[in-house]
Amino acid sequence: MTESTLTNPTALAEGYVRFWNLEPDQQRLLGRAIFTDDVVQYAPIGVLAGLDALIGFARQFASEVGDYAYRRRELPESHHDRIRVRWELLRGDDSFAEGTDVMTLDEAGRIATITTFLDRAPDGFDPHAHD
């Protein structure tokens, strides 16, 4: 990611989508460019703080569901210091979950917070299991 990426919300959102599909070493490199050091994700499964927590969650998720792809469903939207990405999770050609992530950016244009909403949860997902 380049400095111009941080001033382009669409490019930043594309980097965010790419992040979720990379291996840990590549996630770390990209994550350092697009996230603040203290990035926090608020998700139905809990609160994840820091790049290591995001990478760890992605690895744990992959170990539980197998190979998957994180794809955006439509072009990202942005205004002020917010970006919205509507996504879906695929196993092969089968979509098994959809959601929306709303991100806030810091003054430098890096992602500071991520709020995740499940628009269509995976089969068997218990939204209260993580309370």
N, C-alpha and C. Protein backbone atom coordinates (compact mmCIF):
# COMPACT_ATOMS: atom_id res chain seq x y z
N MET A 1 0.85 -1.16 0.00
CA MET A 1 0.00 0.00 0.00
C MET A 1 0.90 1.23 0.00
N THR A 2 0.47 2.20 -0.72
CA THR A 2 1.23 3.44 -0.80
C THR A 2 0.52 4.53 -0.02
N GLU A 3 1.21 5.64 0.15
CA GLU A 3 0.61 6.78 0.85
C GLU A 3 -0.68 7.23 0.16
N SER A 4 -0.71 7.18 -1.19
CA SER A 4 -1.92 7.59 -1.90
C SER A 4 -3.08 6.65 -1.62
N THR A 5 -2.79 5.39 -1.32
CA THR A 5 -3.85 4.45 -0.97
C THR A 5 -4.59 4.93 0.27
N LEU A 6 -3.87 5.49 1.22
CA LEU A 6 -4.49 5.92 2.46
C LEU A 6 -5.39 7.13 2.26
N THR A 7 -5.24 7.83 1.16
CA THR A 7 -6.12 8.96 0.87
C THR A 7 -7.23 8.56 -0.10
N ASN A 8 -7.26 7.31 -0.51
CA ASN A 8 -8.26 6.81 -1.43
C ASN A 8 -9.08 5.73 -0.70
N PRO A 9 -10.27 6.07 -0.24
CA PRO A 9 -11.06 5.10 0.54
C PRO A 9 -11.36 3.81 -0.21
N THR A 10 -11.60 3.89 -1.52
CA THR A 10 -11.88 2.67 -2.28
C THR A 10 -10.67 1.75 -2.30
N ALA A 11 -9.48 2.30 -2.52
CA ALA A 11 -8.25 1.50 -2.51
C ALA A 11 -8.00 0.92 -1.12
N LEU A 12 -8.27 1.70 -0.09
CA LEU A 12 -8.09 1.21 1.28
C LEU A 12 -9.06 0.05 1.55
N ALA A 13 -10.29 0.19 1.11
CA ALA A 13 -11.28 -0.88 1.29
C ALA A 13 -10.86 -2.14 0.54
N GLU A 14 -10.30 -1.98 -0.65
CA GLU A 14 -9.83 -3.15 -1.41
C GLU A 14 -8.68 -3.83 -0.67
N GLY A 15 -7.79 -3.03 -0.08
CA GLY A 15 -6.72 -3.61 0.74
C GLY A 15 -7.27 -4.36 1.93
N TYR A 16 -8.32 -3.81 2.53
CA TYR A 16 -8.97 -4.47 3.67
C TYR A 16 -9.53 -5.83 3.26
N VAL A 17 -10.20 -5.89 2.14
CA VAL A 17 -10.74 -7.17 1.65
C VAL A 17 -9.60 -8.14 1.37
N ARG A 18 -8.55 -7.67 0.73
CA ARG A 18 -7.38 -8.53 0.46
C ARG A 18 -6.79 -9.09 1.75
N PHE A 19 -6.72 -8.26 2.79
CA PHE A 19 -6.15 -8.67 4.07
C PHE A 19 -6.75 -9.99 4.55
N TRP A 20 -8.06 -10.13 4.48
CA TRP A 20 -8.74 -11.31 5.01
C TRP A 20 -8.48 -12.57 4.20
N ASN A 21 -7.89 -12.45 3.01
CA ASN A 21 -7.63 -13.60 2.15
C ASN A 21 -6.16 -13.99 2.09
N LEU A 22 -5.32 -13.34 2.86
CA LEU A 22 -3.88 -13.59 2.80
C LEU A 22 -3.42 -14.56 3.89
N GLU A 23 -2.22 -15.06 3.70
CA GLU A 23 -1.56 -15.86 4.73
C GLU A 23 -1.02 -14.91 5.80
N PRO A 24 -0.76 -15.41 7.03
CA PRO A 24 -0.38 -14.54 8.14
C PRO A 24 0.78 -13.58 7.87
N ASP A 25 1.85 -14.04 7.24
CA ASP A 25 2.98 -13.14 6.99
C ASP A 25 2.58 -11.99 6.06
N GLN A 26 1.79 -12.31 5.05
CA GLN A 26 1.32 -11.27 4.13
C GLN A 26 0.29 -10.37 4.83
N GLN A 27 -0.54 -10.96 5.68
CA GLN A 27 -1.49 -10.15 6.45
C GLN A 27 -0.75 -9.13 7.31
N ARG A 28 0.32 -9.57 7.93
CA ARG A 28 1.09 -8.69 8.81
C ARG A 28 1.64 -7.49 8.02
N LEU A 29 2.23 -7.76 6.86
CA LEU A 29 2.77 -6.67 6.03
C LEU A 29 1.68 -5.69 5.60
N LEU A 30 0.60 -6.20 5.07
CA LEU A 30 -0.48 -5.33 4.62
C LEU A 30 -1.15 -4.65 5.82
N GLY A 31 -1.36 -5.40 6.89
CA GLY A 31 -2.00 -4.85 8.08
C GLY A 31 -1.26 -3.67 8.67
N ARG A 32 0.06 -3.73 8.66
CA ARG A 32 0.85 -2.60 9.18
C ARG A 32 0.63 -1.33 8.36
N ALA A 33 0.29 -1.50 7.08
CA ALA A 33 0.08 -0.35 6.21
C ALA A 33 -1.33 0.22 6.32
N ILE A 34 -2.32 -0.63 6.56
CA ILE A 34 -3.70 -0.14 6.49
C ILE A 34 -4.36 0.06 7.85
N PHE A 35 -3.84 -0.56 8.90
CA PHE A 35 -4.45 -0.45 10.23
C PHE A 35 -3.60 0.42 11.15
N THR A 36 -4.24 1.07 12.11
CA THR A 36 -3.50 1.72 13.18
C THR A 36 -2.88 0.65 14.06
N ASP A 37 -1.91 1.03 14.87
CA ASP A 37 -1.28 0.07 15.78
C ASP A 37 -2.27 -0.51 16.77
N ASP A 38 -3.28 0.26 17.12
CA ASP A 38 -4.25 -0.18 18.14
C ASP A 38 -5.63 -0.43 17.54
N VAL A 39 -5.67 -0.91 16.30
CA VAL A 39 -6.94 -1.20 15.63
C VAL A 39 -7.81 -2.11 16.52
N VAL A 40 -9.11 -1.86 16.51
CA VAL A 40 -10.05 -2.66 17.29
C VAL A 40 -11.20 -3.06 16.39
N GLN A 41 -11.56 -4.35 16.43
CA GLN A 41 -12.73 -4.84 15.71
C GLN A 41 -13.80 -5.24 16.72
N TYR A 42 -14.99 -4.69 16.52
CA TYR A 42 -16.16 -5.03 17.33
C TYR A 42 -17.03 -5.94 16.47
N ALA A 43 -17.14 -7.21 16.87
CA ALA A 43 -17.85 -8.20 16.07
C ALA A 43 -18.77 -9.02 16.97
N PRO A 44 -19.74 -9.70 16.37
CA PRO A 44 -20.63 -10.53 17.19
C PRO A 44 -19.91 -11.56 18.05
N ILE A 45 -18.71 -11.99 17.62
CA ILE A 45 -17.96 -12.98 18.40
C ILE A 45 -17.15 -12.37 19.52
N GLY A 46 -17.06 -11.03 19.54
CA GLY A 46 -16.32 -10.35 20.59
C GLY A 46 -15.53 -9.17 20.07
N VAL A 47 -14.67 -8.65 20.91
CA VAL A 47 -13.84 -7.50 20.57
C VAL A 47 -12.41 -7.99 20.37
N LEU A 48 -11.84 -7.64 19.23
CA LEU A 48 -10.46 -8.02 18.92
C LEU A 48 -9.63 -6.75 18.88
N ALA A 49 -8.52 -6.73 19.62
CA ALA A 49 -7.69 -5.53 19.69
C ALA A 49 -6.29 -5.82 19.16
N GLY A 50 -5.88 -5.09 18.14
CA GLY A 50 -4.55 -5.20 17.59
C GLY A 50 -4.47 -6.11 16.38
N LEU A 51 -3.43 -5.90 15.59
CA LEU A 51 -3.21 -6.67 14.37
C LEU A 51 -3.06 -8.16 14.66
N ASP A 52 -2.34 -8.51 15.71
CA ASP A 52 -2.15 -9.93 16.04
C ASP A 52 -3.49 -10.61 16.31
N ALA A 53 -4.41 -9.91 16.95
CA ALA A 53 -5.72 -10.50 17.23
C ALA A 53 -6.51 -10.72 15.94
N LEU A 54 -6.42 -9.78 15.00
CA LEU A 54 -7.12 -9.95 13.72
C LEU A 54 -6.56 -11.14 12.94
N ILE A 55 -5.24 -11.23 12.90
CA ILE A 55 -4.60 -12.35 12.21
C ILE A 55 -4.95 -13.67 12.90
N GLY A 56 -4.90 -13.68 14.22
CA GLY A 56 -5.24 -14.89 14.97
C GLY A 56 -6.68 -15.32 14.72
N PHE A 57 -7.59 -14.38 14.67
CA PHE A 57 -8.98 -14.71 14.39
C PHE A 57 -9.12 -15.32 13.00
N ALA A 58 -8.46 -14.74 12.01
CA ALA A 58 -8.54 -15.27 10.65
C ALA A 58 -8.02 -16.70 10.59
N ARG A 59 -6.94 -16.98 11.30
CA ARG A 59 -6.36 -18.34 11.31
C ARG A 59 -7.30 -19.31 12.02
N GLN A 60 -7.85 -18.89 13.16
CA GLN A 60 -8.77 -19.76 13.90
C GLN A 60 -10.02 -20.04 13.06
N PHE A 61 -10.54 -19.01 12.42
CA PHE A 61 -11.73 -19.18 11.58
C PHE A 61 -11.45 -20.17 10.46
N ALA A 62 -10.30 -20.03 9.79
CA ALA A 62 -9.94 -20.93 8.70
C ALA A 62 -9.78 -22.37 9.19
N SER A 63 -9.25 -22.54 10.40
CA SER A 63 -9.08 -23.89 10.93
C SER A 63 -10.43 -24.54 11.25
N GLU A 64 -11.44 -23.72 11.54
CA GLU A 64 -12.76 -24.26 11.87
C GLU A 64 -13.63 -24.49 10.64
N VAL A 65 -13.54 -23.63 9.63
CA VAL A 65 -14.44 -23.75 8.47
C VAL A 65 -13.73 -24.26 7.22
N GLY A 66 -12.41 -24.33 7.23
CA GLY A 66 -11.67 -24.75 6.05
C GLY A 66 -11.39 -23.58 5.13
N ASP A 67 -11.01 -23.90 3.91
CA ASP A 67 -10.69 -22.84 2.95
C ASP A 67 -11.92 -21.99 2.68
N TYR A 68 -11.72 -20.70 2.69
CA TYR A 68 -12.81 -19.77 2.41
C TYR A 68 -12.24 -18.56 1.70
N ALA A 69 -13.11 -17.79 1.10
CA ALA A 69 -12.73 -16.52 0.48
C ALA A 69 -13.64 -15.43 1.02
N TYR A 70 -13.06 -14.31 1.33
CA TYR A 70 -13.77 -13.12 1.79
C TYR A 70 -13.86 -12.19 0.59
N ARG A 71 -15.07 -11.90 0.14
CA ARG A 71 -15.27 -11.08 -1.06
C ARG A 71 -16.24 -9.94 -0.77
N ARG A 72 -16.02 -8.81 -1.41
CA ARG A 72 -16.99 -7.74 -1.27
C ARG A 72 -18.18 -8.03 -2.17
N ARG A 73 -19.37 -7.62 -1.73
CA ARG A 73 -20.59 -7.83 -2.50
C ARG A 73 -20.88 -6.69 -3.45
N GLU A 74 -20.35 -5.53 -3.16
CA GLU A 74 -20.57 -4.35 -4.01
C GLU A 74 -19.46 -3.36 -3.73
N LEU A 75 -19.43 -2.29 -4.48
CA LEU A 75 -18.38 -1.29 -4.27
C LEU A 75 -18.48 -0.70 -2.87
N PRO A 76 -17.33 -0.48 -2.23
CA PRO A 76 -17.34 0.15 -0.90
C PRO A 76 -17.91 1.56 -0.98
N GLU A 77 -18.46 2.01 0.14
CA GLU A 77 -18.97 3.37 0.24
C GLU A 77 -18.20 4.09 1.33
N SER A 78 -18.05 5.41 1.16
CA SER A 78 -17.33 6.17 2.18
C SER A 78 -17.89 7.57 2.29
N HIS A 79 -17.76 8.12 3.48
CA HIS A 79 -17.99 9.54 3.72
C HIS A 79 -17.30 9.90 5.02
N HIS A 80 -16.86 11.14 5.09
CA HIS A 80 -16.11 11.64 6.23
C HIS A 80 -14.98 10.68 6.56
N ASP A 81 -14.95 10.16 7.76
CA ASP A 81 -13.88 9.23 8.14
C ASP A 81 -14.42 7.82 8.29
N ARG A 82 -15.39 7.44 7.45
CA ARG A 82 -16.02 6.12 7.53
C ARG A 82 -15.98 5.43 6.16
N ILE A 83 -15.83 4.11 6.19
CA ILE A 83 -15.93 3.27 5.00
C ILE A 83 -16.84 2.10 5.34
N ARG A 84 -17.72 1.77 4.40
CA ARG A 84 -18.59 0.59 4.59
C ARG A 84 -18.28 -0.42 3.49
N VAL A 85 -18.02 -1.67 3.93
CA VAL A 85 -17.77 -2.77 3.01
C VAL A 85 -18.81 -3.85 3.28
N ARG A 86 -19.57 -4.17 2.26
CA ARG A 86 -20.53 -5.29 2.36
C ARG A 86 -19.83 -6.51 1.76
N TRP A 87 -19.78 -7.60 2.53
CA TRP A 87 -18.96 -8.74 2.15
C TRP A 87 -19.76 -10.04 2.21
N GLU A 88 -19.16 -11.08 1.65
CA GLU A 88 -19.68 -12.43 1.80
C GLU A 88 -18.52 -13.38 1.95
N LEU A 89 -18.78 -14.49 2.59
CA LEU A 89 -17.80 -15.56 2.74
C LEU A 89 -18.21 -16.71 1.84
N LEU A 90 -17.25 -17.22 1.09
CA LEU A 90 -17.50 -18.30 0.14
C LEU A 90 -16.63 -19.50 0.47
N ARG A 91 -17.19 -20.67 0.28
CA ARG A 91 -16.43 -21.93 0.24
C ARG A 91 -16.67 -22.47 -1.15
N GLY A 92 -15.65 -22.45 -1.96
CA GLY A 92 -15.85 -22.77 -3.38
C GLY A 92 -16.78 -21.72 -3.97
N ASP A 93 -17.85 -22.18 -4.60
CA ASP A 93 -18.84 -21.26 -5.18
C ASP A 93 -20.01 -21.00 -4.25
N ASP A 94 -19.99 -21.61 -3.06
CA ASP A 94 -21.12 -21.51 -2.14
C ASP A 94 -20.93 -20.39 -1.13
N SER A 95 -21.88 -19.48 -1.09
CA SER A 95 -21.87 -18.40 -0.11
C SER A 95 -22.44 -18.94 1.20
N PHE A 96 -21.72 -18.76 2.30
CA PHE A 96 -22.24 -19.26 3.57
C PHE A 96 -22.46 -18.19 4.63
N ALA A 97 -22.10 -16.94 4.33
CA ALA A 97 -22.39 -15.86 5.26
C ALA A 97 -22.22 -14.53 4.52
N GLU A 98 -22.94 -13.52 5.02
CA GLU A 98 -22.81 -12.17 4.49
C GLU A 98 -22.79 -11.19 5.65
N GLY A 99 -22.11 -10.08 5.44
CA GLY A 99 -22.06 -9.08 6.50
C GLY A 99 -21.69 -7.72 5.97
N THR A 100 -21.62 -6.80 6.90
CA THR A 100 -21.22 -5.43 6.59
C THR A 100 -20.22 -4.98 7.64
N ASP A 101 -19.10 -4.45 7.19
CA ASP A 101 -18.10 -3.88 8.09
C ASP A 101 -18.08 -2.37 7.89
N VAL A 102 -18.17 -1.64 8.99
CA VAL A 102 -18.06 -0.19 8.97
C VAL A 102 -16.76 0.16 9.69
N MET A 103 -15.90 0.88 8.97
CA MET A 103 -14.59 1.21 9.51
C MET A 103 -14.47 2.71 9.74
N THR A 104 -13.80 3.08 10.82
CA THR A 104 -13.44 4.48 11.03
C THR A 104 -11.95 4.61 10.76
N LEU A 105 -11.59 5.78 10.24
CA LEU A 105 -10.20 6.04 9.89
C LEU A 105 -9.61 7.08 10.83
N ASP A 106 -8.30 6.96 11.06
CA ASP A 106 -7.62 7.99 11.85
C ASP A 106 -7.23 9.15 10.93
N GLU A 107 -6.56 10.15 11.48
CA GLU A 107 -6.19 11.34 10.72
C GLU A 107 -5.27 11.01 9.54
N ALA A 108 -4.49 9.95 9.63
CA ALA A 108 -3.57 9.56 8.57
C ALA A 108 -4.25 8.70 7.50
N GLY A 109 -5.51 8.33 7.73
CA GLY A 109 -6.24 7.52 6.76
C GLY A 109 -6.12 6.03 6.98
N ARG A 110 -5.64 5.63 8.15
CA ARG A 110 -5.56 4.20 8.47
C ARG A 110 -6.83 3.76 9.21
N ILE A 111 -7.13 2.48 9.11
CA ILE A 111 -8.32 1.93 9.76
C ILE A 111 -8.05 1.82 11.25
N ALA A 112 -8.89 2.51 12.04
CA ALA A 112 -8.73 2.52 13.49
C ALA A 112 -9.72 1.58 14.17
N THR A 113 -10.95 1.52 13.66
CA THR A 113 -11.95 0.61 14.22
C THR A 113 -12.72 -0.06 13.10
N ILE A 114 -13.19 -1.25 13.40
CA ILE A 114 -14.02 -2.02 12.48
C ILE A 114 -15.23 -2.48 13.29
N THR A 115 -16.42 -2.21 12.81
CA THR A 115 -17.63 -2.72 13.44
C THR A 115 -18.27 -3.67 12.44
N THR A 116 -18.40 -4.93 12.84
CA THR A 116 -18.90 -5.98 11.96
C THR A 116 -20.34 -6.33 12.31
N PHE A 117 -21.17 -6.36 11.28
CA PHE A 117 -22.55 -6.80 11.41
C PHE A 117 -22.74 -8.02 10.52
N LEU A 118 -23.45 -9.02 11.02
CA LEU A 118 -23.79 -10.18 10.20
C LEU A 118 -25.15 -9.94 9.56
N ASP A 119 -25.16 -9.88 8.23
CA ASP A 119 -26.41 -9.71 7.50
C ASP A 119 -27.08 -11.06 7.28
N ARG A 120 -26.28 -12.08 7.09
CA ARG A 120 -26.76 -13.47 6.99
C ARG A 120 -25.70 -14.33 7.66
N ALA A 121 -26.01 -14.77 8.85
CA ALA A 121 -25.05 -15.56 9.64
C ALA A 121 -24.90 -16.96 9.05
N PRO A 122 -23.76 -17.60 9.31
CA PRO A 122 -23.60 -18.99 8.88
C PRO A 122 -24.63 -19.88 9.56
N ASP A 123 -25.02 -20.95 8.89
CA ASP A 123 -25.94 -21.92 9.51
C ASP A 123 -25.38 -22.37 10.85
N GLY A 124 -26.23 -22.39 11.84
CA GLY A 124 -25.85 -22.86 13.16
C GLY A 124 -25.18 -21.82 14.04
N PHE A 125 -24.98 -20.60 13.54
CA PHE A 125 -24.34 -19.56 14.33
C PHE A 125 -25.26 -19.14 15.46
N ASP A 126 -24.74 -19.13 16.68
CA ASP A 126 -25.49 -18.71 17.85
C ASP A 126 -25.02 -17.32 18.26
N PRO A 127 -25.83 -16.30 18.00
CA PRO A 127 -25.38 -14.93 18.32
C PRO A 127 -25.16 -14.66 19.81
N HIS A 128 -25.68 -15.53 20.65
CA HIS A 128 -25.55 -15.33 22.10
C HIS A 128 -24.42 -16.17 22.70
N ALA A 129 -23.77 -16.98 21.89
CA ALA A 129 -22.70 -17.84 22.41
C ALA A 129 -21.46 -17.05 22.81
N HIS A 130 -21.37 -15.80 22.35
CA HIS A 130 -20.18 -15.02 22.61
C HIS A 130 -20.46 -13.82 23.53
N ASP A 131 -21.62 -13.81 24.15
CA ASP A 131 -21.97 -12.69 25.04
C ASP A 131 -21.06 -12.66 26.26
